[in-house]
Amino acid sequence: MPPPPPPPTRPAPALPDELLEEIFLRLPPDEPEHLVRTSLACKLWLGLLSGARFRGLYGEFHGAPPMLGFLYNWFFCSGPKEDDPVANFVSTTKFGALVPDGDGWDRQYTPWDCRHGRVLLGDYTGLIVWDPMTGRRMKLEPPVGYVGAAVLCAARGCDHRACHEGPFRVVVIGLDMNEDDGDCVAHACASSPVTPEWSRLCSDSHFDGWSRACSDSRFDGWSKQCSGLYLLAGDPKIDALPPVLVDDALHFRLTDDDERVGILKYDLSSNCLSMIDVPLTRLAIVWPAILMALEDGSLGLAHLDGLTLYLWSRQIDSNGVASWTQHKVIDLKEPLPIQNPKKRISVIGSVEGHDIIFVNIDLGIYEIDLKTLRWKKLWKREKFRSLIPYMSFYNRQG
């Protein structure tokens, strides 16, 4: 007599959504492939991972968004190269940026800035705002001539953890020379907040068509140009590195033919320009040097003298008086694997809101945390003029 059939197995009880979310929260943000694979398991998990609730919890759990990639610019004598990726974007994880179709314009427009999940590409005839997460992009034509520009979130009260789909603003800075007296006047102009609905109109791969559609549809224009700021005589130039955002103000580094250096500050709330002195005037601070938005919320400046990195912080006392203090002095040959100390080292970028910089040494491009002195190699050795990190939590939805 055959044995009786085994009793039917009961399906395992489904885990509550709250418990699933607690598990998913532990997926590392700098390895977005885990989120992708998990979302493909079933419709329930996809719904949880793509929902606004989980995105908010994920950002709160992990804090600042991770670096998913970076953009770069060449020195004039070194690039561009035929094998450069579109928009000069390099992924440092398994995140795949949704880039525009390569129809030639990507060679004209180079990275100018990147902030709050958006990339600003441009030349001196136009600017393009691009969202690598969704692939949306659009073209802006500033009403004035410009030599510097920035992009930033325009949503009030935003924590900037996952705001790449919200409204944003673009700020342009111009420098006008008076040939008669040699004076230079700086001016600034900001766009009205650009809505995400407008960017959805611009999902075409060819920007010529959608730029016309955008300028005919929802864009409200630009703010009134701020009062001009007269600069010292000479021929000042905006540095090729992107500006830094500190205390609701953008800071651009200025240099001139006499190798002097200064900081041009644009206050977003008052629509005013002002100048800030730098802590040193000697030639060593001219290059290589970068502005930083430090972790303590202050404006920073980092510059190299040989293999020694000097980090300065601009602090404001109880009376509202600002002054520079030397924050740190670091011998880079201690933490970094430098094989040829005679080769020039350059500092080429930083992460806003963190004491993290990017340096180009003889073995390649490295990221170094100035608090812990931990480092990791990002890329092979290249003569980059600037490296701009792309910081965002992974979110393809929306």
Protein backbone atom coordinates (compact mmCIF):
# COMPACT_ATOMS: atom_id res chain seq x y z
CA MET A 1 0.00 0.00 0.00
CA PRO A 2 1.57 3.31 -1.07
CA PRO A 3 2.32 5.83 1.67
CA PRO A 4 -0.18 8.65 2.03
CA PRO A 5 0.68 11.87 0.16
CA PRO A 6 2.40 14.53 2.24
CA PRO A 7 0.17 17.28 3.51
CA PRO A 8 0.16 20.38 1.31
CA THR A 9 2.74 22.94 2.34
CA ARG A 10 1.46 26.26 3.44
CA PRO A 11 2.94 29.32 1.77
CA ALA A 12 5.20 31.32 3.99
CA PRO A 13 3.36 34.22 5.53
CA ALA A 14 3.99 37.51 3.77
CA LEU A 15 6.17 39.97 5.63
CA PRO A 16 4.50 43.22 6.62
CA ASP A 17 5.35 46.20 4.41
CA GLU A 18 6.97 47.96 7.36
CA LEU A 19 9.38 45.06 7.90
CA LEU A 20 10.22 44.89 4.19
CA GLU A 21 11.01 48.61 4.26
CA GLU A 22 13.32 48.12 7.24
CA ILE A 23 15.19 45.45 5.25
CA PHE A 24 15.36 47.55 2.08
CA LEU A 25 16.66 50.54 4.03
CA ARG A 26 19.88 48.57 4.63
CA LEU A 27 20.67 48.34 0.92
CA PRO A 28 23.81 50.48 0.33
CA PRO A 29 23.07 53.75 -1.53
CA ASP A 30 26.40 53.74 -3.39
CA GLU A 31 25.57 50.35 -4.95
CA PRO A 32 22.30 51.16 -6.76
CA GLU A 33 22.25 47.82 -8.60
CA HIS A 34 20.90 46.21 -5.42
CA LEU A 35 17.89 48.53 -5.47
CA VAL A 36 17.30 47.73 -9.14
CA ARG A 37 17.42 43.96 -8.65
CA THR A 38 15.18 44.14 -5.61
CA SER A 39 12.58 46.22 -7.44
CA LEU A 40 12.44 43.60 -10.22
CA ALA A 41 11.52 40.77 -7.84
CA CYS A 42 7.78 41.50 -7.76
CA LYS A 43 5.25 44.28 -8.20
CA LEU A 44 4.84 44.68 -4.44
CA TRP A 45 8.53 45.38 -3.92
CA LEU A 46 8.64 47.71 -6.93
CA GLY A 47 5.75 49.68 -5.47
CA LEU A 48 7.44 49.95 -2.09
CA LEU A 49 10.83 51.00 -3.46
CA SER A 50 9.41 53.57 -5.88
CA GLY A 51 6.97 55.13 -3.42
CA ALA A 52 7.48 58.57 -1.94
CA ARG A 53 7.35 57.14 1.61
CA PHE A 54 10.28 54.79 1.09
CA ARG A 55 12.33 57.41 -0.76
CA GLY A 56 11.91 59.74 2.21
CA LEU A 57 12.81 57.04 4.72
CA TYR A 58 15.83 55.97 2.65
CA GLY A 59 17.18 59.51 2.56
CA GLU A 60 16.69 59.98 6.31
CA PHE A 61 18.34 56.63 7.09
CA HIS A 62 21.47 57.26 5.00
CA GLY A 63 21.78 61.04 5.36
CA ALA A 64 23.68 62.74 2.56
CA PRO A 65 23.28 61.23 -0.92
CA PRO A 66 26.20 59.17 -2.27
CA MET A 67 28.41 60.01 -5.23
CA LEU A 68 27.15 58.00 -8.20
CA GLY A 69 29.60 59.49 -10.71
CA PHE A 70 31.46 62.61 -11.72
CA LEU A 71 31.84 65.08 -14.57
CA TYR A 72 35.13 66.54 -15.71
CA ASN A 73 36.72 69.28 -17.77
CA TRP A 74 40.04 69.22 -19.60
CA PHE A 75 42.77 71.79 -19.65
CA PHE A 76 42.69 73.60 -22.98
CA CYS A 77 45.93 71.90 -24.00
CA SER A 78 44.78 68.38 -23.07
CA GLY A 79 41.32 67.76 -24.52
CA PRO A 80 38.66 67.02 -25.46
CA LYS A 81 39.21 63.50 -26.79
CA GLU A 82 37.21 61.50 -29.31
CA ASP A 83 36.42 58.77 -26.79
CA ASP A 84 35.11 61.16 -24.12
CA PRO A 85 31.70 60.04 -22.81
CA VAL A 86 28.64 62.15 -23.52
CA ALA A 87 28.65 65.25 -21.28
CA ASN A 88 31.99 64.04 -19.82
CA PHE A 89 30.06 61.93 -17.29
CA VAL A 90 31.80 58.96 -15.65
CA SER A 91 29.93 56.56 -13.36
CA THR A 92 31.78 55.48 -10.21
CA THR A 93 29.12 52.86 -9.41
CA LYS A 94 26.85 50.66 -11.52
CA PHE A 95 24.54 53.62 -11.99
CA GLY A 96 23.87 54.26 -15.67
CA ALA A 97 23.14 57.89 -16.43
CA LEU A 98 20.43 58.48 -19.01
CA VAL A 99 22.39 60.64 -21.42
CA PRO A 100 21.16 62.51 -24.49
CA ASP A 101 21.65 60.90 -27.88
CA GLY A 102 25.05 61.75 -29.31
CA ASP A 103 24.13 64.16 -32.10
CA GLY A 104 27.19 66.43 -31.88
CA TRP A 105 26.07 68.95 -29.28
CA ASP A 106 27.72 67.04 -26.44
CA ARG A 107 31.13 68.10 -27.76
CA GLN A 108 30.18 71.78 -27.58
CA TYR A 109 28.61 71.81 -24.14
CA THR A 110 30.92 71.05 -21.23
CA PRO A 111 30.09 70.66 -17.51
CA TRP A 112 29.86 73.97 -15.65
CA ASP A 113 28.16 72.93 -12.44
CA CYS A 114 26.29 70.10 -10.70
CA ARG A 115 24.10 70.43 -7.64
CA HIS A 116 20.94 68.91 -6.14
CA GLY A 117 20.76 66.14 -8.72
CA ARG A 118 21.06 68.38 -11.79
CA VAL A 119 23.93 69.03 -14.18
CA LEU A 120 24.56 72.37 -15.89
CA LEU A 121 26.24 72.06 -19.28
CA GLY A 122 27.14 75.00 -21.45
CA ASP A 123 29.31 77.13 -23.62
CA TYR A 124 29.16 80.90 -24.05
CA THR A 125 26.10 80.77 -26.33
CA GLY A 126 23.68 78.73 -24.23
CA LEU A 127 23.19 76.53 -21.18
CA ILE A 128 21.60 73.10 -20.79
CA VAL A 129 20.19 71.67 -17.56
CA TRP A 130 20.30 67.86 -17.56
CA ASP A 131 18.95 65.32 -15.08
CA PRO A 132 21.12 62.15 -15.37
CA MET A 133 18.55 60.16 -13.39
CA THR A 134 15.67 60.70 -15.84
CA GLY A 135 17.47 61.91 -18.96
CA ARG A 136 15.37 65.08 -19.12
CA ARG A 137 17.13 68.23 -20.24
CA MET A 138 16.40 71.67 -21.54
CA LYS A 139 18.14 74.70 -22.92
CA LEU A 140 18.25 78.19 -21.43
CA GLU A 141 19.32 81.34 -23.21
CA PRO A 142 20.39 83.92 -20.62
CA PRO A 143 19.47 87.53 -21.43
CA VAL A 144 22.99 88.80 -20.72
CA GLY A 145 26.54 87.74 -21.51
CA TYR A 146 28.08 85.46 -18.92
CA VAL A 147 31.34 83.80 -17.92
CA GLY A 148 30.12 81.77 -14.95
CA ALA A 149 26.93 79.93 -14.05
CA ALA A 150 25.35 77.69 -11.42
CA VAL A 151 22.29 75.47 -10.99
CA LEU A 152 20.44 74.80 -7.73
CA CYS A 153 17.14 73.60 -6.30
CA ALA A 154 14.39 76.24 -5.99
CA ALA A 155 12.02 74.27 -3.72
CA ARG A 156 11.47 75.89 -0.32
CA GLY A 157 12.33 73.75 2.69
CA CYS A 158 13.88 71.00 0.55
CA ASP A 159 16.54 68.78 2.14
CA HIS A 160 18.07 68.15 -1.33
CA ARG A 161 18.28 64.39 -0.82
CA ALA A 162 16.09 63.52 -3.81
CA CYS A 163 14.89 66.79 -5.30
CA HIS A 164 16.04 66.40 -8.90
CA GLU A 165 12.43 66.45 -10.15
CA GLY A 166 11.41 69.68 -8.39
CA PRO A 167 11.78 73.29 -9.53
CA PHE A 168 15.27 74.71 -9.97
CA ARG A 169 17.04 77.98 -10.76
CA VAL A 170 20.04 78.94 -12.87
CA VAL A 171 22.31 81.89 -12.01
CA VAL A 172 24.69 83.49 -14.50
CA ILE A 173 27.60 85.85 -13.77
CA GLY A 174 28.99 88.32 -16.31
CA LEU A 175 32.08 90.52 -16.38
CA ASP A 176 31.99 93.66 -18.57
CA MET A 177 35.19 95.51 -19.36
CA ASN A 178 35.21 99.25 -20.03
CA GLU A 179 37.95 99.73 -22.61
CA ASP A 180 38.17 103.49 -21.96
CA ASP A 181 39.10 103.40 -18.28
CA GLY A 182 39.98 99.71 -17.83
CA ASP A 183 37.34 99.14 -15.17
CA CYS A 184 35.49 95.86 -14.91
CA VAL A 185 31.89 95.57 -13.74
CA ALA A 186 30.44 92.27 -12.50
CA HIS A 187 26.73 91.56 -12.82
CA ALA A 188 24.44 88.62 -12.05
CA CYS A 189 21.06 87.39 -13.23
CA ALA A 190 18.92 84.48 -11.99
CA SER A 191 16.19 82.56 -13.73
CA SER A 192 12.70 82.28 -12.33
CA PRO A 193 12.05 78.85 -10.76
CA VAL A 194 11.72 76.35 -13.59
CA THR A 195 8.94 73.82 -13.00
CA PRO A 196 9.35 70.08 -13.57
CA GLU A 197 6.40 70.19 -15.99
CA TRP A 198 8.49 72.33 -18.31
CA SER A 199 11.36 69.84 -18.21
CA ARG A 200 8.93 67.06 -19.15
CA LEU A 201 8.21 68.93 -22.37
CA CYS A 202 11.92 68.65 -23.11
CA SER A 203 12.35 64.88 -23.29
CA ASP A 204 13.27 64.91 -26.99
CA SER A 205 16.77 63.74 -27.88
CA HIS A 206 17.46 66.74 -30.16
CA PHE A 207 17.70 69.96 -28.24
CA ASP A 208 16.97 72.28 -31.19
CA GLY A 209 13.32 71.28 -31.27
CA TRP A 210 12.65 71.23 -27.55
CA SER A 211 14.51 74.46 -26.82
CA ARG A 212 12.01 76.29 -29.01
CA ALA A 213 9.14 74.46 -27.34
CA CYS A 214 10.47 75.41 -23.93
CA SER A 215 10.93 79.08 -24.70
CA ASP A 216 7.37 79.23 -26.04
CA SER A 217 5.71 77.41 -23.13
CA ARG A 218 6.14 77.73 -19.38
CA PHE A 219 9.31 79.70 -18.74
CA ASP A 220 8.57 82.96 -16.90
CA GLY A 221 11.90 84.61 -17.65
CA TRP A 222 14.79 85.99 -15.68
CA SER A 223 15.00 88.23 -12.66
CA LYS A 224 16.08 91.82 -12.94
CA GLN A 225 19.84 92.07 -13.30
CA CYS A 226 21.45 93.01 -9.99
CA SER A 227 23.34 96.26 -9.53
CA GLY A 228 26.80 96.12 -11.06
CA LEU A 229 29.83 95.64 -8.81
CA TYR A 230 32.98 97.53 -9.83
CA LEU A 231 36.09 95.39 -9.54
CA LEU A 232 39.72 96.43 -9.32
CA ALA A 233 41.47 97.43 -12.52
CA GLY A 234 42.91 94.57 -14.49
CA ASP A 235 41.42 91.71 -16.44
CA PRO A 236 39.59 89.51 -13.92
CA LYS A 237 38.39 86.06 -14.90
CA ILE A 238 36.00 83.56 -13.34
CA ASP A 239 37.79 80.32 -12.43
CA ALA A 240 36.90 77.22 -14.46
CA LEU A 241 35.94 75.33 -11.29
CA PRO A 242 32.25 75.46 -10.33
CA PRO A 243 31.07 77.84 -7.59
CA VAL A 244 30.22 76.67 -4.08
CA LEU A 245 26.95 77.29 -2.24
CA VAL A 246 27.31 78.50 1.37
CA ASP A 247 24.61 80.26 3.46
CA ASP A 248 22.27 80.86 0.49
CA ALA A 249 25.06 82.50 -1.50
CA LEU A 250 27.13 81.36 -4.47
CA HIS A 251 30.88 81.95 -4.36
CA PHE A 252 33.01 82.20 -7.52
CA ARG A 253 36.80 82.39 -7.51
CA LEU A 254 38.30 85.33 -9.42
CA THR A 255 41.82 85.78 -10.75
CA ASP A 256 43.38 88.53 -12.86
CA ASP A 257 46.47 89.18 -14.98
CA ASP A 258 48.44 90.30 -11.92
CA GLU A 259 47.80 86.86 -10.39
CA ARG A 260 45.73 88.32 -7.61
CA VAL A 261 42.80 86.28 -6.42
CA GLY A 262 39.46 87.13 -4.86
CA ILE A 263 36.02 85.63 -4.27
CA LEU A 264 32.90 87.00 -5.94
CA LYS A 265 29.82 86.38 -3.77
CA TYR A 266 26.25 86.41 -5.11
CA ASP A 267 23.57 86.50 -2.41
CA LEU A 268 20.49 84.65 -3.68
CA SER A 269 18.04 86.26 -1.25
CA SER A 270 19.10 89.89 -1.79
CA ASN A 271 20.17 89.59 -5.46
CA CYS A 272 23.44 91.40 -4.63
CA LEU A 273 27.11 90.93 -5.49
CA SER A 274 30.04 91.56 -3.17
CA MET A 275 33.75 90.76 -2.93
CA ILE A 276 35.48 88.63 -0.31
CA ASP A 277 39.21 88.74 0.30
CA VAL A 278 41.19 85.51 0.42
CA PRO A 279 43.38 84.57 3.40
CA LEU A 280 46.66 84.93 1.49
CA THR A 281 47.90 87.08 -1.36
CA ARG A 282 51.05 85.23 -2.34
CA LEU A 283 51.27 83.44 -5.67
CA ALA A 284 50.99 79.97 -4.12
CA ILE A 285 47.28 80.50 -3.58
CA VAL A 286 46.51 81.29 -7.21
CA TRP A 287 46.79 77.73 -8.51
CA PRO A 288 46.15 75.00 -7.66
CA ALA A 289 43.42 76.19 -5.27
CA ILE A 290 39.70 75.55 -4.85
CA LEU A 291 36.80 76.98 -2.90
CA MET A 292 34.91 74.57 -0.64
CA ALA A 293 31.63 74.40 1.25
CA LEU A 294 32.90 72.80 4.45
CA GLU A 295 31.01 70.36 6.64
CA ASP A 296 30.61 72.92 9.44
CA GLY A 297 28.74 75.24 7.06
CA SER A 298 31.60 77.68 6.50
CA LEU A 299 33.29 78.80 3.30
CA GLY A 300 36.62 77.07 2.79
CA LEU A 301 39.66 77.45 0.58
CA ALA A 302 42.16 74.66 -0.09
CA HIS A 303 45.48 75.18 -1.84
CA LEU A 304 48.69 73.26 -2.31
CA ASP A 305 52.31 74.16 -1.76
CA GLY A 306 54.25 71.21 -3.08
CA LEU A 307 52.89 68.14 -1.28
CA THR A 308 51.38 70.16 1.58
CA LEU A 309 47.65 70.96 1.57
CA TYR A 310 46.48 74.07 3.42
CA LEU A 311 42.80 74.30 4.32
CA TRP A 312 41.32 77.65 5.41
CA SER A 313 37.88 78.34 6.88
CA ARG A 314 35.99 81.66 6.92
CA GLN A 315 34.31 81.97 10.29
CA ILE A 316 31.87 84.64 11.51
CA ASP A 317 32.15 85.69 15.16
CA SER A 318 29.38 86.76 17.56
CA ASN A 319 29.65 90.35 16.31
CA GLY A 320 29.10 89.32 12.70
CA VAL A 321 32.73 89.92 11.70
CA ALA A 322 34.16 87.37 9.27
CA SER A 323 37.79 86.28 9.27
CA TRP A 324 39.87 83.45 7.84
CA THR A 325 41.49 80.85 10.07
CA GLN A 326 43.86 78.08 9.10
CA HIS A 327 41.73 74.96 9.52
CA LYS A 328 44.21 72.18 8.68
CA VAL A 329 47.66 71.51 7.27
CA ILE A 330 48.11 68.04 5.75
CA ASP A 331 51.21 66.43 4.27
CA LEU A 332 49.67 64.47 1.38
CA LYS A 333 52.55 62.07 0.99
CA GLU A 334 51.52 60.49 4.30
CA PRO A 335 47.98 59.29 3.40
CA LEU A 336 48.29 59.06 -0.40
CA PRO A 337 50.30 56.47 -2.40
CA ILE A 338 52.53 59.03 -4.12
CA GLN A 339 55.39 57.33 -5.96
CA ASN A 340 56.96 60.35 -7.64
CA PRO A 341 56.86 63.35 -5.25
CA LYS A 342 58.50 65.55 -7.90
CA LYS A 343 55.41 65.39 -10.11
CA ARG A 344 53.04 68.25 -9.56
CA ILE A 345 49.87 67.49 -7.59
CA SER A 346 46.68 69.41 -8.29
CA VAL A 347 43.45 69.72 -6.32
CA ILE A 348 40.59 69.59 -8.83
CA GLY A 349 37.32 69.50 -6.91
CA SER A 350 35.39 68.92 -3.69
CA VAL A 351 32.07 67.66 -2.32
CA GLU A 352 29.79 70.44 -1.07
CA GLY A 353 28.96 70.11 2.60
CA HIS A 354 31.74 67.60 3.25
CA ASP A 355 35.47 67.92 3.92
CA ILE A 356 36.26 65.80 0.85
CA ILE A 357 38.51 66.83 -2.04
CA PHE A 358 39.72 65.29 -5.29
CA VAL A 359 43.40 65.39 -6.21
CA ASN A 360 45.37 64.41 -9.26
CA ILE A 361 48.64 62.66 -8.36
CA ASP A 362 51.15 60.61 -10.35
CA LEU A 363 49.10 57.39 -10.10
CA GLY A 364 45.68 58.82 -10.92
CA ILE A 365 42.77 60.78 -9.50
CA TYR A 366 41.98 60.18 -5.82
CA GLU A 367 39.24 61.11 -3.40
CA ILE A 368 40.44 61.95 0.09
CA ASP A 369 38.44 62.64 3.26
CA LEU A 370 40.24 65.43 5.09
CA LYS A 371 38.75 64.38 8.46
CA THR A 372 39.77 60.72 8.41
CA LEU A 373 42.52 60.93 5.72
CA ARG A 374 40.98 57.86 4.08
CA TRP A 375 41.30 57.77 0.31
CA LYS A 376 40.20 55.79 -2.70
CA LYS A 377 41.24 55.85 -6.33
CA LEU A 378 38.55 57.11 -8.71
CA TRP A 379 40.17 57.17 -12.12
CA LYS A 380 43.35 56.76 -14.10
CA ARG A 381 45.73 59.65 -14.41
CA GLU A 382 44.34 62.37 -16.65
CA LYS A 383 45.02 66.08 -16.95
CA PHE A 384 41.61 67.19 -15.73
CA ARG A 385 41.15 70.85 -14.91
CA SER A 386 38.14 70.14 -12.73
CA LEU A 387 36.14 67.22 -11.34
CA ILE A 388 32.50 67.80 -10.37
CA PRO A 389 30.82 65.05 -8.29
CA TYR A 390 27.28 63.89 -9.08
CA MET A 391 25.55 63.26 -5.75
CA SER A 392 22.13 61.59 -5.66
CA PHE A 393 20.13 58.71 -4.29
CA TYR A 394 19.10 56.28 -7.01
CA ASN A 395 15.50 56.85 -8.13
CA ARG A 396 14.40 56.11 -11.68
CA GLN A 397 10.75 56.69 -10.94
CA GLY A 398 8.74 59.79 -11.62
